[in-house]
Amino acid sequence: MLDPKKLEDIAKQIQNSLPSGIKNMGEEAEKRIRTVLQAQLGKLDMVTREEFDVQTKVLLRTREKLNDMEAKLALLERKLTDVQDEQG
C-alpha cells in the first residue's frame, strides 16, 4: 500500500533536517525514522492512488446515472401534471 521509495525519501528528508550530531548516526537513524514512519502511516486509513482513481470513476458514473434519473423523474412529473391539468 505504501510506496517504500517514498518512505525512504521522507526518512532521508527528516534525517537531512536533523542537527549534524544526530546526522552522524547515519543508517541507524534512517532505519529508526523509517520504522517510525511506517508504523505511524500504517495507522492511517489510506488507499492507494489506483484505488482512489477507480473509486473516482465509479463516483462519476454514479453521478451521471443520478443526473439521468433526475431528468427522467422531472419529465414524468411534468407529464403527470399535464394529465392532471387536462382532467381537472
N, C-alpha and C. Protein backbone atom coordinates (compact mmCIF):
# COMPACT_ATOMS: atom_id res chain seq x y z
N MET A 1 0.82 -1.19 0.00
CA MET A 1 0.00 0.00 0.00
C MET A 1 0.86 1.25 0.00
N LEU A 2 1.86 1.31 0.86
CA LEU A 2 2.73 2.48 0.91
C LEU A 2 3.95 2.23 0.05
N ASP A 3 4.33 3.22 -0.72
CA ASP A 3 5.46 3.11 -1.61
C ASP A 3 6.75 3.20 -0.79
N PRO A 4 7.55 2.12 -0.76
CA PRO A 4 8.78 2.13 0.03
C PRO A 4 9.75 3.24 -0.40
N LYS A 5 9.75 3.57 -1.68
CA LYS A 5 10.64 4.62 -2.17
C LYS A 5 10.26 5.97 -1.56
N LYS A 6 8.96 6.24 -1.48
CA LYS A 6 8.51 7.50 -0.89
C LYS A 6 8.85 7.55 0.59
N LEU A 7 8.68 6.42 1.28
CA LEU A 7 9.04 6.38 2.69
C LEU A 7 10.53 6.65 2.87
N GLU A 8 11.33 6.07 2.00
CA GLU A 8 12.77 6.28 2.07
C GLU A 8 13.11 7.75 1.84
N ASP A 9 12.45 8.38 0.89
CA ASP A 9 12.69 9.80 0.61
C ASP A 9 12.31 10.66 1.81
N ILE A 10 11.17 10.35 2.42
CA ILE A 10 10.74 11.13 3.59
C ILE A 10 11.73 10.95 4.73
N ALA A 11 12.16 9.70 4.94
CA ALA A 11 13.13 9.42 6.01
C ALA A 11 14.43 10.20 5.78
N LYS A 12 14.89 10.25 4.54
CA LYS A 12 16.12 10.99 4.23
C LYS A 12 15.93 12.49 4.44
N GLN A 13 14.76 13.02 4.07
CA GLN A 13 14.49 14.44 4.28
C GLN A 13 14.52 14.77 5.77
N ILE A 14 13.91 13.90 6.56
CA ILE A 14 13.92 14.13 8.01
C ILE A 14 15.35 14.06 8.53
N GLN A 15 16.10 13.06 8.09
CA GLN A 15 17.48 12.90 8.53
C GLN A 15 18.31 14.12 8.15
N ASN A 16 18.10 14.65 6.95
CA ASN A 16 18.86 15.81 6.50
C ASN A 16 18.53 17.07 7.29
N SER A 17 17.34 17.12 7.88
CA SER A 17 16.95 18.30 8.63
C SER A 17 17.41 18.23 10.09
N LEU A 18 17.96 17.10 10.49
CA LEU A 18 18.43 16.94 11.87
C LEU A 18 19.77 17.65 12.08
N PRO A 19 20.08 18.02 13.31
CA PRO A 19 21.39 18.62 13.61
C PRO A 19 22.51 17.66 13.23
N SER A 20 23.68 18.21 12.96
CA SER A 20 24.80 17.41 12.44
C SER A 20 25.20 16.28 13.38
N GLY A 21 25.14 16.47 14.69
CA GLY A 21 25.49 15.41 15.62
C GLY A 21 24.60 14.19 15.47
N ILE A 22 23.35 14.44 15.23
CA ILE A 22 22.40 13.33 15.05
C ILE A 22 22.56 12.73 13.66
N LYS A 23 22.86 13.57 12.67
CA LYS A 23 23.04 13.07 11.29
C LYS A 23 24.14 12.03 11.22
N ASN A 24 25.15 12.20 12.05
CA ASN A 24 26.30 11.30 12.01
C ASN A 24 25.94 9.87 12.43
N MET A 25 24.80 9.71 13.02
CA MET A 25 24.38 8.36 13.38
C MET A 25 24.06 7.55 12.13
N GLY A 26 23.91 8.26 11.01
CA GLY A 26 23.79 7.63 9.70
C GLY A 26 22.64 6.66 9.54
N GLU A 27 22.99 5.49 9.08
CA GLU A 27 21.97 4.49 8.71
C GLU A 27 21.06 4.12 9.86
N GLU A 28 21.60 4.07 11.06
CA GLU A 28 20.77 3.67 12.21
C GLU A 28 19.62 4.65 12.41
N ALA A 29 19.92 5.94 12.32
CA ALA A 29 18.87 6.95 12.47
C ALA A 29 17.87 6.83 11.34
N GLU A 30 18.35 6.61 10.14
CA GLU A 30 17.45 6.48 8.99
C GLU A 30 16.54 5.27 9.16
N LYS A 31 17.08 4.15 9.63
CA LYS A 31 16.27 2.95 9.84
C LYS A 31 15.20 3.21 10.90
N ARG A 32 15.60 3.87 11.96
CA ARG A 32 14.63 4.16 13.03
C ARG A 32 13.53 5.10 12.53
N ILE A 33 13.93 6.11 11.79
CA ILE A 33 12.95 7.05 11.24
C ILE A 33 12.00 6.32 10.31
N ARG A 34 12.54 5.47 9.45
CA ARG A 34 11.71 4.71 8.51
C ARG A 34 10.73 3.81 9.28
N THR A 35 11.22 3.17 10.34
CA THR A 35 10.36 2.29 11.14
C THR A 35 9.22 3.07 11.78
N VAL A 36 9.55 4.23 12.34
CA VAL A 36 8.53 5.07 12.97
C VAL A 36 7.53 5.55 11.92
N LEU A 37 8.02 5.98 10.77
CA LEU A 37 7.13 6.43 9.70
C LEU A 37 6.20 5.32 9.25
N GLN A 38 6.74 4.14 9.05
CA GLN A 38 5.91 3.03 8.61
C GLN A 38 4.85 2.71 9.64
N ALA A 39 5.23 2.74 10.91
CA ALA A 39 4.27 2.44 11.97
C ALA A 39 3.16 3.49 12.02
N GLN A 40 3.54 4.75 11.94
CA GLN A 40 2.56 5.83 12.03
C GLN A 40 1.68 5.90 10.78
N LEU A 41 2.28 5.76 9.62
CA LEU A 41 1.50 5.81 8.39
C LEU A 41 0.61 4.57 8.27
N GLY A 42 1.06 3.45 8.83
CA GLY A 42 0.26 2.24 8.80
C GLY A 42 -1.03 2.38 9.61
N LYS A 43 -1.03 3.29 10.57
CA LYS A 43 -2.21 3.52 11.40
C LYS A 43 -3.26 4.34 10.65
N LEU A 44 -2.85 5.05 9.62
CA LEU A 44 -3.78 5.89 8.87
C LEU A 44 -4.64 5.04 7.96
N ASP A 45 -5.85 5.49 7.76
CA ASP A 45 -6.79 4.79 6.88
C ASP A 45 -6.63 5.37 5.48
N MET A 46 -5.67 4.82 4.72
CA MET A 46 -5.37 5.36 3.40
C MET A 46 -5.61 4.30 2.34
N VAL A 47 -5.81 4.78 1.12
CA VAL A 47 -5.95 3.89 -0.03
C VAL A 47 -4.85 4.23 -1.02
N THR A 48 -4.60 3.28 -1.91
CA THR A 48 -3.59 3.54 -2.94
C THR A 48 -4.15 4.52 -3.96
N ARG A 49 -3.28 5.10 -4.74
CA ARG A 49 -3.71 6.03 -5.79
C ARG A 49 -4.62 5.31 -6.79
N GLU A 50 -4.27 4.06 -7.09
CA GLU A 50 -5.08 3.27 -8.03
C GLU A 50 -6.49 3.08 -7.49
N GLU A 51 -6.61 2.72 -6.22
CA GLU A 51 -7.93 2.55 -5.61
C GLU A 51 -8.72 3.86 -5.63
N PHE A 52 -8.03 4.96 -5.35
CA PHE A 52 -8.66 6.27 -5.36
C PHE A 52 -9.19 6.60 -6.75
N ASP A 53 -8.37 6.36 -7.77
CA ASP A 53 -8.78 6.65 -9.15
C ASP A 53 -9.97 5.79 -9.58
N VAL A 54 -9.97 4.52 -9.19
CA VAL A 54 -11.09 3.64 -9.52
C VAL A 54 -12.36 4.15 -8.87
N GLN A 55 -12.28 4.50 -7.58
CA GLN A 55 -13.47 4.98 -6.89
C GLN A 55 -13.95 6.33 -7.44
N THR A 56 -13.04 7.15 -7.91
CA THR A 56 -13.41 8.43 -8.53
C THR A 56 -14.22 8.17 -9.79
N LYS A 57 -13.78 7.21 -10.60
CA LYS A 57 -14.52 6.87 -11.83
C LYS A 57 -15.89 6.31 -11.50
N VAL A 58 -15.96 5.45 -10.49
CA VAL A 58 -17.25 4.89 -10.08
C VAL A 58 -18.18 6.01 -9.63
N LEU A 59 -17.66 6.93 -8.86
CA LEU A 59 -18.46 8.06 -8.38
C LEU A 59 -18.95 8.92 -9.54
N LEU A 60 -18.11 9.16 -10.53
CA LEU A 60 -18.53 9.95 -11.69
C LEU A 60 -19.65 9.26 -12.47
N ARG A 61 -19.52 7.93 -12.66
CA ARG A 61 -20.57 7.17 -13.36
C ARG A 61 -21.87 7.20 -12.57
N THR A 62 -21.74 7.10 -11.26
CA THR A 62 -22.93 7.14 -10.41
C THR A 62 -23.59 8.51 -10.49
N ARG A 63 -22.79 9.56 -10.51
CA ARG A 63 -23.32 10.92 -10.62
C ARG A 63 -24.06 11.09 -11.95
N GLU A 64 -23.49 10.56 -13.04
CA GLU A 64 -24.15 10.66 -14.35
C GLU A 64 -25.49 9.93 -14.34
N LYS A 65 -25.52 8.73 -13.75
CA LYS A 65 -26.77 7.98 -13.67
C LYS A 65 -27.81 8.72 -12.83
N LEU A 66 -27.36 9.31 -11.74
CA LEU A 66 -28.27 10.07 -10.89
C LEU A 66 -28.85 11.27 -11.65
N ASN A 67 -28.00 11.96 -12.38
CA ASN A 67 -28.48 13.10 -13.18
C ASN A 67 -29.50 12.65 -14.22
N ASP A 68 -29.23 11.52 -14.87
CA ASP A 68 -30.19 10.99 -15.86
C ASP A 68 -31.52 10.64 -15.19
N MET A 69 -31.46 10.01 -14.04
CA MET A 69 -32.68 9.63 -13.34
C MET A 69 -33.46 10.87 -12.88
N GLU A 70 -32.75 11.89 -12.44
CA GLU A 70 -33.42 13.12 -12.03
C GLU A 70 -34.13 13.78 -13.21
N ALA A 71 -33.48 13.75 -14.37
CA ALA A 71 -34.09 14.33 -15.57
C ALA A 71 -35.34 13.53 -15.96
N LYS A 72 -35.26 12.21 -15.92
CA LYS A 72 -36.41 11.37 -16.25
C LYS A 72 -37.55 11.59 -15.26
N LEU A 73 -37.22 11.71 -13.99
CA LEU A 73 -38.24 11.96 -12.98
C LEU A 73 -38.92 13.30 -13.20
N ALA A 74 -38.14 14.31 -13.52
CA ALA A 74 -38.71 15.64 -13.78
C ALA A 74 -39.66 15.57 -14.98
N LEU A 75 -39.29 14.83 -16.02
CA LEU A 75 -40.13 14.67 -17.20
C LEU A 75 -41.44 13.95 -16.85
N LEU A 76 -41.33 12.89 -16.08
CA LEU A 76 -42.53 12.16 -15.66
C LEU A 76 -43.45 13.03 -14.79
N GLU A 77 -42.85 13.84 -13.92
CA GLU A 77 -43.65 14.73 -13.08
C GLU A 77 -44.38 15.77 -13.93
N ARG A 78 -43.70 16.29 -14.97
CA ARG A 78 -44.35 17.25 -15.87
C ARG A 78 -45.51 16.60 -16.62
N LYS A 79 -45.29 15.36 -17.10
CA LYS A 79 -46.35 14.64 -17.82
C LYS A 79 -47.54 14.39 -16.90
N LEU A 80 -47.25 14.00 -15.66
CA LEU A 80 -48.33 13.75 -14.70
C LEU A 80 -49.10 15.03 -14.41
N THR A 81 -48.41 16.13 -14.28
CA THR A 81 -49.05 17.42 -14.04
C THR A 81 -49.93 17.80 -15.24
N ASP A 82 -49.40 17.57 -16.44
CA ASP A 82 -50.17 17.88 -17.66
C ASP A 82 -51.44 17.04 -17.73
N VAL A 83 -51.35 15.76 -17.42
CA VAL A 83 -52.51 14.86 -17.45
C VAL A 83 -53.52 15.31 -16.40
N GLN A 84 -53.05 15.65 -15.23
CA GLN A 84 -53.96 16.10 -14.17
C GLN A 84 -54.64 17.41 -14.56
N ASP A 85 -53.89 18.30 -15.22
CA ASP A 85 -54.47 19.58 -15.66
C ASP A 85 -55.56 19.34 -16.71
N GLU A 86 -55.33 18.36 -17.60
CA GLU A 86 -56.31 18.07 -18.66
C GLU A 86 -57.58 17.46 -18.06
N GLN A 87 -57.42 16.70 -17.01
CA GLN A 87 -58.57 16.04 -16.38
C GLN A 87 -59.29 16.95 -15.39
N GLY A 88 -58.61 17.95 -14.90
CA GLY A 88 -59.17 18.75 -13.82
C GLY A 88 -59.73 20.02 -14.27
